[in-house]
Amino acid sequence: FTRVKWKKSTPVEITALRPANVPL
């Protein structure tokens, strides 16, 4: 009852944010 039970979930896709020191 205490062991972690993992469940398959959706894949993750992350795009890096624009750096704060590079303004438009």
PDBML (XML) file of the C-alpha atoms, coordinates in Angstrom:
<?xml version="1.0" encoding="UTF-8" ?>
<PDBx:datablock datablockName="MODEL"
   xmlns:PDBx="http://pdbml.pdb.org/schema/pdbx-v50.xsd"
   xmlns:xsi="http://www.w3.org/2001/XMLSchema-instance"
   xsi:schemaLocation="http://pdbml.pdb.org/schema/pdbx-v50.xsd pdbx-v50.xsd">
   <PDBx:atom_siteCategory>
      <PDBx:atom_site id="1">
         <PDBx:B_iso_or_equiv>0.00</PDBx:B_iso_or_equiv>
         <PDBx:Cartn_x>0.000</PDBx:Cartn_x>
         <PDBx:Cartn_y>0.000</PDBx:Cartn_y>
         <PDBx:Cartn_z>0.000</PDBx:Cartn_z>
         <PDBx:auth_asym_id>A</PDBx:auth_asym_id>
         <PDBx:auth_atom_id>CA</PDBx:auth_atom_id>
         <PDBx:auth_comp_id>PHE</PDBx:auth_comp_id>
         <PDBx:auth_seq_id>1</PDBx:auth_seq_id>
         <PDBx:group_PDB>ATOM</PDBx:group_PDB>
         <PDBx:label_alt_id xsi:nil="true" />
         <PDBx:label_asym_id>A</PDBx:label_asym_id>
         <PDBx:label_atom_id>CA</PDBx:label_atom_id>
         <PDBx:label_comp_id>PHE</PDBx:label_comp_id>
         <PDBx:label_entity_id>1</PDBx:label_entity_id>
         <PDBx:label_seq_id>1</PDBx:label_seq_id>
         <PDBx:occupancy>1.00</PDBx:occupancy>
         <PDBx:pdbx_PDB_model_num>1</PDBx:pdbx_PDB_model_num>
         <PDBx:type_symbol>C</PDBx:type_symbol>
      </PDBx:atom_site>
      <PDBx:atom_site id="2">
         <PDBx:B_iso_or_equiv>0.00</PDBx:B_iso_or_equiv>
         <PDBx:Cartn_x>2.953</PDBx:Cartn_x>
         <PDBx:Cartn_y>2.367</PDBx:Cartn_y>
         <PDBx:Cartn_z>0.316</PDBx:Cartn_z>
         <PDBx:auth_asym_id>A</PDBx:auth_asym_id>
         <PDBx:auth_atom_id>CA</PDBx:auth_atom_id>
         <PDBx:auth_comp_id>THR</PDBx:auth_comp_id>
         <PDBx:auth_seq_id>2</PDBx:auth_seq_id>
         <PDBx:group_PDB>ATOM</PDBx:group_PDB>
         <PDBx:label_alt_id xsi:nil="true" />
         <PDBx:label_asym_id>A</PDBx:label_asym_id>
         <PDBx:label_atom_id>CA</PDBx:label_atom_id>
         <PDBx:label_comp_id>THR</PDBx:label_comp_id>
         <PDBx:label_entity_id>1</PDBx:label_entity_id>
         <PDBx:label_seq_id>2</PDBx:label_seq_id>
         <PDBx:occupancy>1.00</PDBx:occupancy>
         <PDBx:pdbx_PDB_model_num>1</PDBx:pdbx_PDB_model_num>
         <PDBx:type_symbol>C</PDBx:type_symbol>
      </PDBx:atom_site>
      <PDBx:atom_site id="3">
         <PDBx:B_iso_or_equiv>0.00</PDBx:B_iso_or_equiv>
         <PDBx:Cartn_x>4.956</PDBx:Cartn_x>
         <PDBx:Cartn_y>1.501</PDBx:Cartn_y>
         <PDBx:Cartn_z>-2.798</PDBx:Cartn_z>
         <PDBx:auth_asym_id>A</PDBx:auth_asym_id>
         <PDBx:auth_atom_id>CA</PDBx:auth_atom_id>
         <PDBx:auth_comp_id>ARG</PDBx:auth_comp_id>
         <PDBx:auth_seq_id>3</PDBx:auth_seq_id>
         <PDBx:group_PDB>ATOM</PDBx:group_PDB>
         <PDBx:label_alt_id xsi:nil="true" />
         <PDBx:label_asym_id>A</PDBx:label_asym_id>
         <PDBx:label_atom_id>CA</PDBx:label_atom_id>
         <PDBx:label_comp_id>ARG</PDBx:label_comp_id>
         <PDBx:label_entity_id>1</PDBx:label_entity_id>
         <PDBx:label_seq_id>3</PDBx:label_seq_id>
         <PDBx:occupancy>1.00</PDBx:occupancy>
         <PDBx:pdbx_PDB_model_num>1</PDBx:pdbx_PDB_model_num>
         <PDBx:type_symbol>C</PDBx:type_symbol>
      </PDBx:atom_site>
      <PDBx:atom_site id="4">
         <PDBx:B_iso_or_equiv>0.00</PDBx:B_iso_or_equiv>
         <PDBx:Cartn_x>4.722</PDBx:Cartn_x>
         <PDBx:Cartn_y>3.971</PDBx:Cartn_y>
         <PDBx:Cartn_z>-5.648</PDBx:Cartn_z>
         <PDBx:auth_asym_id>A</PDBx:auth_asym_id>
         <PDBx:auth_atom_id>CA</PDBx:auth_atom_id>
         <PDBx:auth_comp_id>VAL</PDBx:auth_comp_id>
         <PDBx:auth_seq_id>4</PDBx:auth_seq_id>
         <PDBx:group_PDB>ATOM</PDBx:group_PDB>
         <PDBx:label_alt_id xsi:nil="true" />
         <PDBx:label_asym_id>A</PDBx:label_asym_id>
         <PDBx:label_atom_id>CA</PDBx:label_atom_id>
         <PDBx:label_comp_id>VAL</PDBx:label_comp_id>
         <PDBx:label_entity_id>1</PDBx:label_entity_id>
         <PDBx:label_seq_id>4</PDBx:label_seq_id>
         <PDBx:occupancy>1.00</PDBx:occupancy>
         <PDBx:pdbx_PDB_model_num>1</PDBx:pdbx_PDB_model_num>
         <PDBx:type_symbol>C</PDBx:type_symbol>
      </PDBx:atom_site>
      <PDBx:atom_site id="5">
         <PDBx:B_iso_or_equiv>0.00</PDBx:B_iso_or_equiv>
         <PDBx:Cartn_x>2.510</PDBx:Cartn_x>
         <PDBx:Cartn_y>2.751</PDBx:Cartn_y>
         <PDBx:Cartn_z>-8.480</PDBx:Cartn_z>
         <PDBx:auth_asym_id>A</PDBx:auth_asym_id>
         <PDBx:auth_atom_id>CA</PDBx:auth_atom_id>
         <PDBx:auth_comp_id>LYS</PDBx:auth_comp_id>
         <PDBx:auth_seq_id>5</PDBx:auth_seq_id>
         <PDBx:group_PDB>ATOM</PDBx:group_PDB>
         <PDBx:label_alt_id xsi:nil="true" />
         <PDBx:label_asym_id>A</PDBx:label_asym_id>
         <PDBx:label_atom_id>CA</PDBx:label_atom_id>
         <PDBx:label_comp_id>LYS</PDBx:label_comp_id>
         <PDBx:label_entity_id>1</PDBx:label_entity_id>
         <PDBx:label_seq_id>5</PDBx:label_seq_id>
         <PDBx:occupancy>1.00</PDBx:occupancy>
         <PDBx:pdbx_PDB_model_num>1</PDBx:pdbx_PDB_model_num>
         <PDBx:type_symbol>C</PDBx:type_symbol>
      </PDBx:atom_site>
      <PDBx:atom_site id="6">
         <PDBx:B_iso_or_equiv>0.00</PDBx:B_iso_or_equiv>
         <PDBx:Cartn_x>3.419</PDBx:Cartn_x>
         <PDBx:Cartn_y>4.400</PDBx:Cartn_y>
         <PDBx:Cartn_z>-11.785</PDBx:Cartn_z>
         <PDBx:auth_asym_id>A</PDBx:auth_asym_id>
         <PDBx:auth_atom_id>CA</PDBx:auth_atom_id>
         <PDBx:auth_comp_id>TRP</PDBx:auth_comp_id>
         <PDBx:auth_seq_id>6</PDBx:auth_seq_id>
         <PDBx:group_PDB>ATOM</PDBx:group_PDB>
         <PDBx:label_alt_id xsi:nil="true" />
         <PDBx:label_asym_id>A</PDBx:label_asym_id>
         <PDBx:label_atom_id>CA</PDBx:label_atom_id>
         <PDBx:label_comp_id>TRP</PDBx:label_comp_id>
         <PDBx:label_entity_id>1</PDBx:label_entity_id>
         <PDBx:label_seq_id>6</PDBx:label_seq_id>
         <PDBx:occupancy>1.00</PDBx:occupancy>
         <PDBx:pdbx_PDB_model_num>1</PDBx:pdbx_PDB_model_num>
         <PDBx:type_symbol>C</PDBx:type_symbol>
      </PDBx:atom_site>
      <PDBx:atom_site id="7">
         <PDBx:B_iso_or_equiv>0.00</PDBx:B_iso_or_equiv>
         <PDBx:Cartn_x>0.971</PDBx:Cartn_x>
         <PDBx:Cartn_y>4.877</PDBx:Cartn_y>
         <PDBx:Cartn_z>-14.625</PDBx:Cartn_z>
         <PDBx:auth_asym_id>A</PDBx:auth_asym_id>
         <PDBx:auth_atom_id>CA</PDBx:auth_atom_id>
         <PDBx:auth_comp_id>LYS</PDBx:auth_comp_id>
         <PDBx:auth_seq_id>7</PDBx:auth_seq_id>
         <PDBx:group_PDB>ATOM</PDBx:group_PDB>
         <PDBx:label_alt_id xsi:nil="true" />
         <PDBx:label_asym_id>A</PDBx:label_asym_id>
         <PDBx:label_atom_id>CA</PDBx:label_atom_id>
         <PDBx:label_comp_id>LYS</PDBx:label_comp_id>
         <PDBx:label_entity_id>1</PDBx:label_entity_id>
         <PDBx:label_seq_id>7</PDBx:label_seq_id>
         <PDBx:occupancy>1.00</PDBx:occupancy>
         <PDBx:pdbx_PDB_model_num>1</PDBx:pdbx_PDB_model_num>
         <PDBx:type_symbol>C</PDBx:type_symbol>
      </PDBx:atom_site>
      <PDBx:atom_site id="8">
         <PDBx:B_iso_or_equiv>0.00</PDBx:B_iso_or_equiv>
         <PDBx:Cartn_x>1.874</PDBx:Cartn_x>
         <PDBx:Cartn_y>5.654</PDBx:Cartn_y>
         <PDBx:Cartn_z>-18.213</PDBx:Cartn_z>
         <PDBx:auth_asym_id>A</PDBx:auth_asym_id>
         <PDBx:auth_atom_id>CA</PDBx:auth_atom_id>
         <PDBx:auth_comp_id>LYS</PDBx:auth_comp_id>
         <PDBx:auth_seq_id>8</PDBx:auth_seq_id>
         <PDBx:group_PDB>ATOM</PDBx:group_PDB>
         <PDBx:label_alt_id xsi:nil="true" />
         <PDBx:label_asym_id>A</PDBx:label_asym_id>
         <PDBx:label_atom_id>CA</PDBx:label_atom_id>
         <PDBx:label_comp_id>LYS</PDBx:label_comp_id>
         <PDBx:label_entity_id>1</PDBx:label_entity_id>
         <PDBx:label_seq_id>8</PDBx:label_seq_id>
         <PDBx:occupancy>1.00</PDBx:occupancy>
         <PDBx:pdbx_PDB_model_num>1</PDBx:pdbx_PDB_model_num>
         <PDBx:type_symbol>C</PDBx:type_symbol>
      </PDBx:atom_site>
      <PDBx:atom_site id="9">
         <PDBx:B_iso_or_equiv>0.00</PDBx:B_iso_or_equiv>
         <PDBx:Cartn_x>1.006</PDBx:Cartn_x>
         <PDBx:Cartn_y>9.246</PDBx:Cartn_y>
         <PDBx:Cartn_z>-19.123</PDBx:Cartn_z>
         <PDBx:auth_asym_id>A</PDBx:auth_asym_id>
         <PDBx:auth_atom_id>CA</PDBx:auth_atom_id>
         <PDBx:auth_comp_id>SER</PDBx:auth_comp_id>
         <PDBx:auth_seq_id>9</PDBx:auth_seq_id>
         <PDBx:group_PDB>ATOM</PDBx:group_PDB>
         <PDBx:label_alt_id xsi:nil="true" />
         <PDBx:label_asym_id>A</PDBx:label_asym_id>
         <PDBx:label_atom_id>CA</PDBx:label_atom_id>
         <PDBx:label_comp_id>SER</PDBx:label_comp_id>
         <PDBx:label_entity_id>1</PDBx:label_entity_id>
         <PDBx:label_seq_id>9</PDBx:label_seq_id>
         <PDBx:occupancy>1.00</PDBx:occupancy>
         <PDBx:pdbx_PDB_model_num>1</PDBx:pdbx_PDB_model_num>
         <PDBx:type_symbol>C</PDBx:type_symbol>
      </PDBx:atom_site>
      <PDBx:atom_site id="10">
         <PDBx:B_iso_or_equiv>0.00</PDBx:B_iso_or_equiv>
         <PDBx:Cartn_x>1.254</PDBx:Cartn_x>
         <PDBx:Cartn_y>11.539</PDBx:Cartn_y>
         <PDBx:Cartn_z>-22.132</PDBx:Cartn_z>
         <PDBx:auth_asym_id>A</PDBx:auth_asym_id>
         <PDBx:auth_atom_id>CA</PDBx:auth_atom_id>
         <PDBx:auth_comp_id>THR</PDBx:auth_comp_id>
         <PDBx:auth_seq_id>10</PDBx:auth_seq_id>
         <PDBx:group_PDB>ATOM</PDBx:group_PDB>
         <PDBx:label_alt_id xsi:nil="true" />
         <PDBx:label_asym_id>A</PDBx:label_asym_id>
         <PDBx:label_atom_id>CA</PDBx:label_atom_id>
         <PDBx:label_comp_id>THR</PDBx:label_comp_id>
         <PDBx:label_entity_id>1</PDBx:label_entity_id>
         <PDBx:label_seq_id>10</PDBx:label_seq_id>
         <PDBx:occupancy>1.00</PDBx:occupancy>
         <PDBx:pdbx_PDB_model_num>1</PDBx:pdbx_PDB_model_num>
         <PDBx:type_symbol>C</PDBx:type_symbol>
      </PDBx:atom_site>
      <PDBx:atom_site id="11">
         <PDBx:B_iso_or_equiv>0.00</PDBx:B_iso_or_equiv>
         <PDBx:Cartn_x>4.767</PDBx:Cartn_x>
         <PDBx:Cartn_y>12.440</PDBx:Cartn_y>
         <PDBx:Cartn_z>-23.377</PDBx:Cartn_z>
         <PDBx:auth_asym_id>A</PDBx:auth_asym_id>
         <PDBx:auth_atom_id>CA</PDBx:auth_atom_id>
         <PDBx:auth_comp_id>PRO</PDBx:auth_comp_id>
         <PDBx:auth_seq_id>11</PDBx:auth_seq_id>
         <PDBx:group_PDB>ATOM</PDBx:group_PDB>
         <PDBx:label_alt_id xsi:nil="true" />
         <PDBx:label_asym_id>A</PDBx:label_asym_id>
         <PDBx:label_atom_id>CA</PDBx:label_atom_id>
         <PDBx:label_comp_id>PRO</PDBx:label_comp_id>
         <PDBx:label_entity_id>1</PDBx:label_entity_id>
         <PDBx:label_seq_id>11</PDBx:label_seq_id>
         <PDBx:occupancy>1.00</PDBx:occupancy>
         <PDBx:pdbx_PDB_model_num>1</PDBx:pdbx_PDB_model_num>
         <PDBx:type_symbol>C</PDBx:type_symbol>
      </PDBx:atom_site>
      <PDBx:atom_site id="12">
         <PDBx:B_iso_or_equiv>0.00</PDBx:B_iso_or_equiv>
         <PDBx:Cartn_x>6.188</PDBx:Cartn_x>
         <PDBx:Cartn_y>15.854</PDBx:Cartn_y>
         <PDBx:Cartn_z>-22.556</PDBx:Cartn_z>
         <PDBx:auth_asym_id>A</PDBx:auth_asym_id>
         <PDBx:auth_atom_id>CA</PDBx:auth_atom_id>
         <PDBx:auth_comp_id>VAL</PDBx:auth_comp_id>
         <PDBx:auth_seq_id>12</PDBx:auth_seq_id>
         <PDBx:group_PDB>ATOM</PDBx:group_PDB>
         <PDBx:label_alt_id xsi:nil="true" />
         <PDBx:label_asym_id>A</PDBx:label_asym_id>
         <PDBx:label_atom_id>CA</PDBx:label_atom_id>
         <PDBx:label_comp_id>VAL</PDBx:label_comp_id>
         <PDBx:label_entity_id>1</PDBx:label_entity_id>
         <PDBx:label_seq_id>12</PDBx:label_seq_id>
         <PDBx:occupancy>1.00</PDBx:occupancy>
         <PDBx:pdbx_PDB_model_num>1</PDBx:pdbx_PDB_model_num>
         <PDBx:type_symbol>C</PDBx:type_symbol>
      </PDBx:atom_site>
      <PDBx:atom_site id="13">
         <PDBx:B_iso_or_equiv>0.00</PDBx:B_iso_or_equiv>
         <PDBx:Cartn_x>7.359</PDBx:Cartn_x>
         <PDBx:Cartn_y>18.408</PDBx:Cartn_y>
         <PDBx:Cartn_z>-25.112</PDBx:Cartn_z>
         <PDBx:auth_asym_id>A</PDBx:auth_asym_id>
         <PDBx:auth_atom_id>CA</PDBx:auth_atom_id>
         <PDBx:auth_comp_id>GLU</PDBx:auth_comp_id>
         <PDBx:auth_seq_id>13</PDBx:auth_seq_id>
         <PDBx:group_PDB>ATOM</PDBx:group_PDB>
         <PDBx:label_alt_id xsi:nil="true" />
         <PDBx:label_asym_id>A</PDBx:label_asym_id>
         <PDBx:label_atom_id>CA</PDBx:label_atom_id>
         <PDBx:label_comp_id>GLU</PDBx:label_comp_id>
         <PDBx:label_entity_id>1</PDBx:label_entity_id>
         <PDBx:label_seq_id>13</PDBx:label_seq_id>
         <PDBx:occupancy>1.00</PDBx:occupancy>
         <PDBx:pdbx_PDB_model_num>1</PDBx:pdbx_PDB_model_num>
         <PDBx:type_symbol>C</PDBx:type_symbol>
      </PDBx:atom_site>
      <PDBx:atom_site id="14">
         <PDBx:B_iso_or_equiv>0.00</PDBx:B_iso_or_equiv>
         <PDBx:Cartn_x>8.957</PDBx:Cartn_x>
         <PDBx:Cartn_y>21.631</PDBx:Cartn_y>
         <PDBx:Cartn_z>-23.828</PDBx:Cartn_z>
         <PDBx:auth_asym_id>A</PDBx:auth_asym_id>
         <PDBx:auth_atom_id>CA</PDBx:auth_atom_id>
         <PDBx:auth_comp_id>ILE</PDBx:auth_comp_id>
         <PDBx:auth_seq_id>14</PDBx:auth_seq_id>
         <PDBx:group_PDB>ATOM</PDBx:group_PDB>
         <PDBx:label_alt_id xsi:nil="true" />
         <PDBx:label_asym_id>A</PDBx:label_asym_id>
         <PDBx:label_atom_id>CA</PDBx:label_atom_id>
         <PDBx:label_comp_id>ILE</PDBx:label_comp_id>
         <PDBx:label_entity_id>1</PDBx:label_entity_id>
         <PDBx:label_seq_id>14</PDBx:label_seq_id>
         <PDBx:occupancy>1.00</PDBx:occupancy>
         <PDBx:pdbx_PDB_model_num>1</PDBx:pdbx_PDB_model_num>
         <PDBx:type_symbol>C</PDBx:type_symbol>
      </PDBx:atom_site>
      <PDBx:atom_site id="15">
         <PDBx:B_iso_or_equiv>0.00</PDBx:B_iso_or_equiv>
         <PDBx:Cartn_x>10.282</PDBx:Cartn_x>
         <PDBx:Cartn_y>24.562</PDBx:Cartn_y>
         <PDBx:Cartn_z>-25.849</PDBx:Cartn_z>
         <PDBx:auth_asym_id>A</PDBx:auth_asym_id>
         <PDBx:auth_atom_id>CA</PDBx:auth_atom_id>
         <PDBx:auth_comp_id>THR</PDBx:auth_comp_id>
         <PDBx:auth_seq_id>15</PDBx:auth_seq_id>
         <PDBx:group_PDB>ATOM</PDBx:group_PDB>
         <PDBx:label_alt_id xsi:nil="true" />
         <PDBx:label_asym_id>A</PDBx:label_asym_id>
         <PDBx:label_atom_id>CA</PDBx:label_atom_id>
         <PDBx:label_comp_id>THR</PDBx:label_comp_id>
         <PDBx:label_entity_id>1</PDBx:label_entity_id>
         <PDBx:label_seq_id>15</PDBx:label_seq_id>
         <PDBx:occupancy>1.00</PDBx:occupancy>
         <PDBx:pdbx_PDB_model_num>1</PDBx:pdbx_PDB_model_num>
         <PDBx:type_symbol>C</PDBx:type_symbol>
      </PDBx:atom_site>
      <PDBx:atom_site id="16">
         <PDBx:B_iso_or_equiv>0.00</PDBx:B_iso_or_equiv>
         <PDBx:Cartn_x>12.770</PDBx:Cartn_x>
         <PDBx:Cartn_y>26.893</PDBx:Cartn_y>
         <PDBx:Cartn_z>-24.190</PDBx:Cartn_z>
         <PDBx:auth_asym_id>A</PDBx:auth_asym_id>
         <PDBx:auth_atom_id>CA</PDBx:auth_atom_id>
         <PDBx:auth_comp_id>ALA</PDBx:auth_comp_id>
         <PDBx:auth_seq_id>16</PDBx:auth_seq_id>
         <PDBx:group_PDB>ATOM</PDBx:group_PDB>
         <PDBx:label_alt_id xsi:nil="true" />
         <PDBx:label_asym_id>A</PDBx:label_asym_id>
         <PDBx:label_atom_id>CA</PDBx:label_atom_id>
         <PDBx:label_comp_id>ALA</PDBx:label_comp_id>
         <PDBx:label_entity_id>1</PDBx:label_entity_id>
         <PDBx:label_seq_id>16</PDBx:label_seq_id>
         <PDBx:occupancy>1.00</PDBx:occupancy>
         <PDBx:pdbx_PDB_model_num>1</PDBx:pdbx_PDB_model_num>
         <PDBx:type_symbol>C</PDBx:type_symbol>
      </PDBx:atom_site>
      <PDBx:atom_site id="17">
         <PDBx:B_iso_or_equiv>0.00</PDBx:B_iso_or_equiv>
         <PDBx:Cartn_x>11.409</PDBx:Cartn_x>
         <PDBx:Cartn_y>30.327</PDBx:Cartn_y>
         <PDBx:Cartn_z>-23.339</PDBx:Cartn_z>
         <PDBx:auth_asym_id>A</PDBx:auth_asym_id>
         <PDBx:auth_atom_id>CA</PDBx:auth_atom_id>
         <PDBx:auth_comp_id>LEU</PDBx:auth_comp_id>
         <PDBx:auth_seq_id>17</PDBx:auth_seq_id>
         <PDBx:group_PDB>ATOM</PDBx:group_PDB>
         <PDBx:label_alt_id xsi:nil="true" />
         <PDBx:label_asym_id>A</PDBx:label_asym_id>
         <PDBx:label_atom_id>CA</PDBx:label_atom_id>
         <PDBx:label_comp_id>LEU</PDBx:label_comp_id>
         <PDBx:label_entity_id>1</PDBx:label_entity_id>
         <PDBx:label_seq_id>17</PDBx:label_seq_id>
         <PDBx:occupancy>1.00</PDBx:occupancy>
         <PDBx:pdbx_PDB_model_num>1</PDBx:pdbx_PDB_model_num>
         <PDBx:type_symbol>C</PDBx:type_symbol>
      </PDBx:atom_site>
      <PDBx:atom_site id="18">
         <PDBx:B_iso_or_equiv>0.00</PDBx:B_iso_or_equiv>
         <PDBx:Cartn_x>12.888</PDBx:Cartn_x>
         <PDBx:Cartn_y>33.473</PDBx:Cartn_y>
         <PDBx:Cartn_z>-24.804</PDBx:Cartn_z>
         <PDBx:auth_asym_id>A</PDBx:auth_asym_id>
         <PDBx:auth_atom_id>CA</PDBx:auth_atom_id>
         <PDBx:auth_comp_id>ARG</PDBx:auth_comp_id>
         <PDBx:auth_seq_id>18</PDBx:auth_seq_id>
         <PDBx:group_PDB>ATOM</PDBx:group_PDB>
         <PDBx:label_alt_id xsi:nil="true" />
         <PDBx:label_asym_id>A</PDBx:label_asym_id>
         <PDBx:label_atom_id>CA</PDBx:label_atom_id>
         <PDBx:label_comp_id>ARG</PDBx:label_comp_id>
         <PDBx:label_entity_id>1</PDBx:label_entity_id>
         <PDBx:label_seq_id>18</PDBx:label_seq_id>
         <PDBx:occupancy>1.00</PDBx:occupancy>
         <PDBx:pdbx_PDB_model_num>1</PDBx:pdbx_PDB_model_num>
         <PDBx:type_symbol>C</PDBx:type_symbol>
      </PDBx:atom_site>
      <PDBx:atom_site id="19">
         <PDBx:B_iso_or_equiv>0.00</PDBx:B_iso_or_equiv>
         <PDBx:Cartn_x>15.777</PDBx:Cartn_x>
         <PDBx:Cartn_y>34.575</PDBx:Cartn_y>
         <PDBx:Cartn_z>-22.556</PDBx:Cartn_z>
         <PDBx:auth_asym_id>A</PDBx:auth_asym_id>
         <PDBx:auth_atom_id>CA</PDBx:auth_atom_id>
         <PDBx:auth_comp_id>PRO</PDBx:auth_comp_id>
         <PDBx:auth_seq_id>19</PDBx:auth_seq_id>
         <PDBx:group_PDB>ATOM</PDBx:group_PDB>
         <PDBx:label_alt_id xsi:nil="true" />
         <PDBx:label_asym_id>A</PDBx:label_asym_id>
         <PDBx:label_atom_id>CA</PDBx:label_atom_id>
         <PDBx:label_comp_id>PRO</PDBx:label_comp_id>
         <PDBx:label_entity_id>1</PDBx:label_entity_id>
         <PDBx:label_seq_id>19</PDBx:label_seq_id>
         <PDBx:occupancy>1.00</PDBx:occupancy>
         <PDBx:pdbx_PDB_model_num>1</PDBx:pdbx_PDB_model_num>
         <PDBx:type_symbol>C</PDBx:type_symbol>
      </PDBx:atom_site>
      <PDBx:atom_site id="20">
         <PDBx:B_iso_or_equiv>0.00</PDBx:B_iso_or_equiv>
         <PDBx:Cartn_x>14.958</PDBx:Cartn_x>
         <PDBx:Cartn_y>37.542</PDBx:Cartn_y>
         <PDBx:Cartn_z>-20.313</PDBx:Cartn_z>
         <PDBx:auth_asym_id>A</PDBx:auth_asym_id>
         <PDBx:auth_atom_id>CA</PDBx:auth_atom_id>
         <PDBx:auth_comp_id>ALA</PDBx:auth_comp_id>
         <PDBx:auth_seq_id>20</PDBx:auth_seq_id>
         <PDBx:group_PDB>ATOM</PDBx:group_PDB>
         <PDBx:label_alt_id xsi:nil="true" />
         <PDBx:label_asym_id>A</PDBx:label_asym_id>
         <PDBx:label_atom_id>CA</PDBx:label_atom_id>
         <PDBx:label_comp_id>ALA</PDBx:label_comp_id>
         <PDBx:label_entity_id>1</PDBx:label_entity_id>
         <PDBx:label_seq_id>20</PDBx:label_seq_id>
         <PDBx:occupancy>1.00</PDBx:occupancy>
         <PDBx:pdbx_PDB_model_num>1</PDBx:pdbx_PDB_model_num>
         <PDBx:type_symbol>C</PDBx:type_symbol>
      </PDBx:atom_site>
      <PDBx:atom_site id="21">
         <PDBx:B_iso_or_equiv>0.00</PDBx:B_iso_or_equiv>
         <PDBx:Cartn_x>18.145</PDBx:Cartn_x>
         <PDBx:Cartn_y>39.361</PDBx:Cartn_y>
         <PDBx:Cartn_z>-21.392</PDBx:Cartn_z>
         <PDBx:auth_asym_id>A</PDBx:auth_asym_id>
         <PDBx:auth_atom_id>CA</PDBx:auth_atom_id>
         <PDBx:auth_comp_id>ASN</PDBx:auth_comp_id>
         <PDBx:auth_seq_id>21</PDBx:auth_seq_id>
         <PDBx:group_PDB>ATOM</PDBx:group_PDB>
         <PDBx:label_alt_id xsi:nil="true" />
         <PDBx:label_asym_id>A</PDBx:label_asym_id>
         <PDBx:label_atom_id>CA</PDBx:label_atom_id>
         <PDBx:label_comp_id>ASN</PDBx:label_comp_id>
         <PDBx:label_entity_id>1</PDBx:label_entity_id>
         <PDBx:label_seq_id>21</PDBx:label_seq_id>
         <PDBx:occupancy>1.00</PDBx:occupancy>
         <PDBx:pdbx_PDB_model_num>1</PDBx:pdbx_PDB_model_num>
         <PDBx:type_symbol>C</PDBx:type_symbol>
      </PDBx:atom_site>
      <PDBx:atom_site id="22">
         <PDBx:B_iso_or_equiv>0.00</PDBx:B_iso_or_equiv>
         <PDBx:Cartn_x>17.110</PDBx:Cartn_x>
         <PDBx:Cartn_y>39.245</PDBx:Cartn_y>
         <PDBx:Cartn_z>-25.061</PDBx:Cartn_z>
         <PDBx:auth_asym_id>A</PDBx:auth_asym_id>
         <PDBx:auth_atom_id>CA</PDBx:auth_atom_id>
         <PDBx:auth_comp_id>VAL</PDBx:auth_comp_id>
         <PDBx:auth_seq_id>22</PDBx:auth_seq_id>
         <PDBx:group_PDB>ATOM</PDBx:group_PDB>
         <PDBx:label_alt_id xsi:nil="true" />
         <PDBx:label_asym_id>A</PDBx:label_asym_id>
         <PDBx:label_atom_id>CA</PDBx:label_atom_id>
         <PDBx:label_comp_id>VAL</PDBx:label_comp_id>
         <PDBx:label_entity_id>1</PDBx:label_entity_id>
         <PDBx:label_seq_id>22</PDBx:label_seq_id>
         <PDBx:occupancy>1.00</PDBx:occupancy>
         <PDBx:pdbx_PDB_model_num>1</PDBx:pdbx_PDB_model_num>
         <PDBx:type_symbol>C</PDBx:type_symbol>
      </PDBx:atom_site>
      <PDBx:atom_site id="23">
         <PDBx:B_iso_or_equiv>0.00</PDBx:B_iso_or_equiv>
         <PDBx:Cartn_x>14.205</PDBx:Cartn_x>
         <PDBx:Cartn_y>41.687</PDBx:Cartn_y>
         <PDBx:Cartn_z>-25.424</PDBx:Cartn_z>
         <PDBx:auth_asym_id>A</PDBx:auth_asym_id>
         <PDBx:auth_atom_id>CA</PDBx:auth_atom_id>
         <PDBx:auth_comp_id>PRO</PDBx:auth_comp_id>
         <PDBx:auth_seq_id>23</PDBx:auth_seq_id>
         <PDBx:group_PDB>ATOM</PDBx:group_PDB>
         <PDBx:label_alt_id xsi:nil="true" />
         <PDBx:label_asym_id>A</PDBx:label_asym_id>
         <PDBx:label_atom_id>CA</PDBx:label_atom_id>
         <PDBx:label_comp_id>PRO</PDBx:label_comp_id>
         <PDBx:label_entity_id>1</PDBx:label_entity_id>
         <PDBx:label_seq_id>23</PDBx:label_seq_id>
         <PDBx:occupancy>1.00</PDBx:occupancy>
         <PDBx:pdbx_PDB_model_num>1</PDBx:pdbx_PDB_model_num>
         <PDBx:type_symbol>C</PDBx:type_symbol>
      </PDBx:atom_site>
      <PDBx:atom_site id="24">
         <PDBx:B_iso_or_equiv>0.00</PDBx:B_iso_or_equiv>
         <PDBx:Cartn_x>12.308</PDBx:Cartn_x>
         <PDBx:Cartn_y>42.079</PDBx:Cartn_y>
         <PDBx:Cartn_z>-28.682</PDBx:Cartn_z>
         <PDBx:auth_asym_id>A</PDBx:auth_asym_id>
         <PDBx:auth_atom_id>CA</PDBx:auth_atom_id>
         <PDBx:auth_comp_id>LEU</PDBx:auth_comp_id>
         <PDBx:auth_seq_id>24</PDBx:auth_seq_id>
         <PDBx:group_PDB>ATOM</PDBx:group_PDB>
         <PDBx:label_alt_id xsi:nil="true" />
         <PDBx:label_asym_id>A</PDBx:label_asym_id>
         <PDBx:label_atom_id>CA</PDBx:label_atom_id>
         <PDBx:label_comp_id>LEU</PDBx:label_comp_id>
         <PDBx:label_entity_id>1</PDBx:label_entity_id>
         <PDBx:label_seq_id>24</PDBx:label_seq_id>
         <PDBx:occupancy>1.00</PDBx:occupancy>
         <PDBx:pdbx_PDB_model_num>1</PDBx:pdbx_PDB_model_num>
         <PDBx:type_symbol>C</PDBx:type_symbol>
      </PDBx:atom_site>
   </PDBx:atom_siteCategory>
</PDBx:datablock>
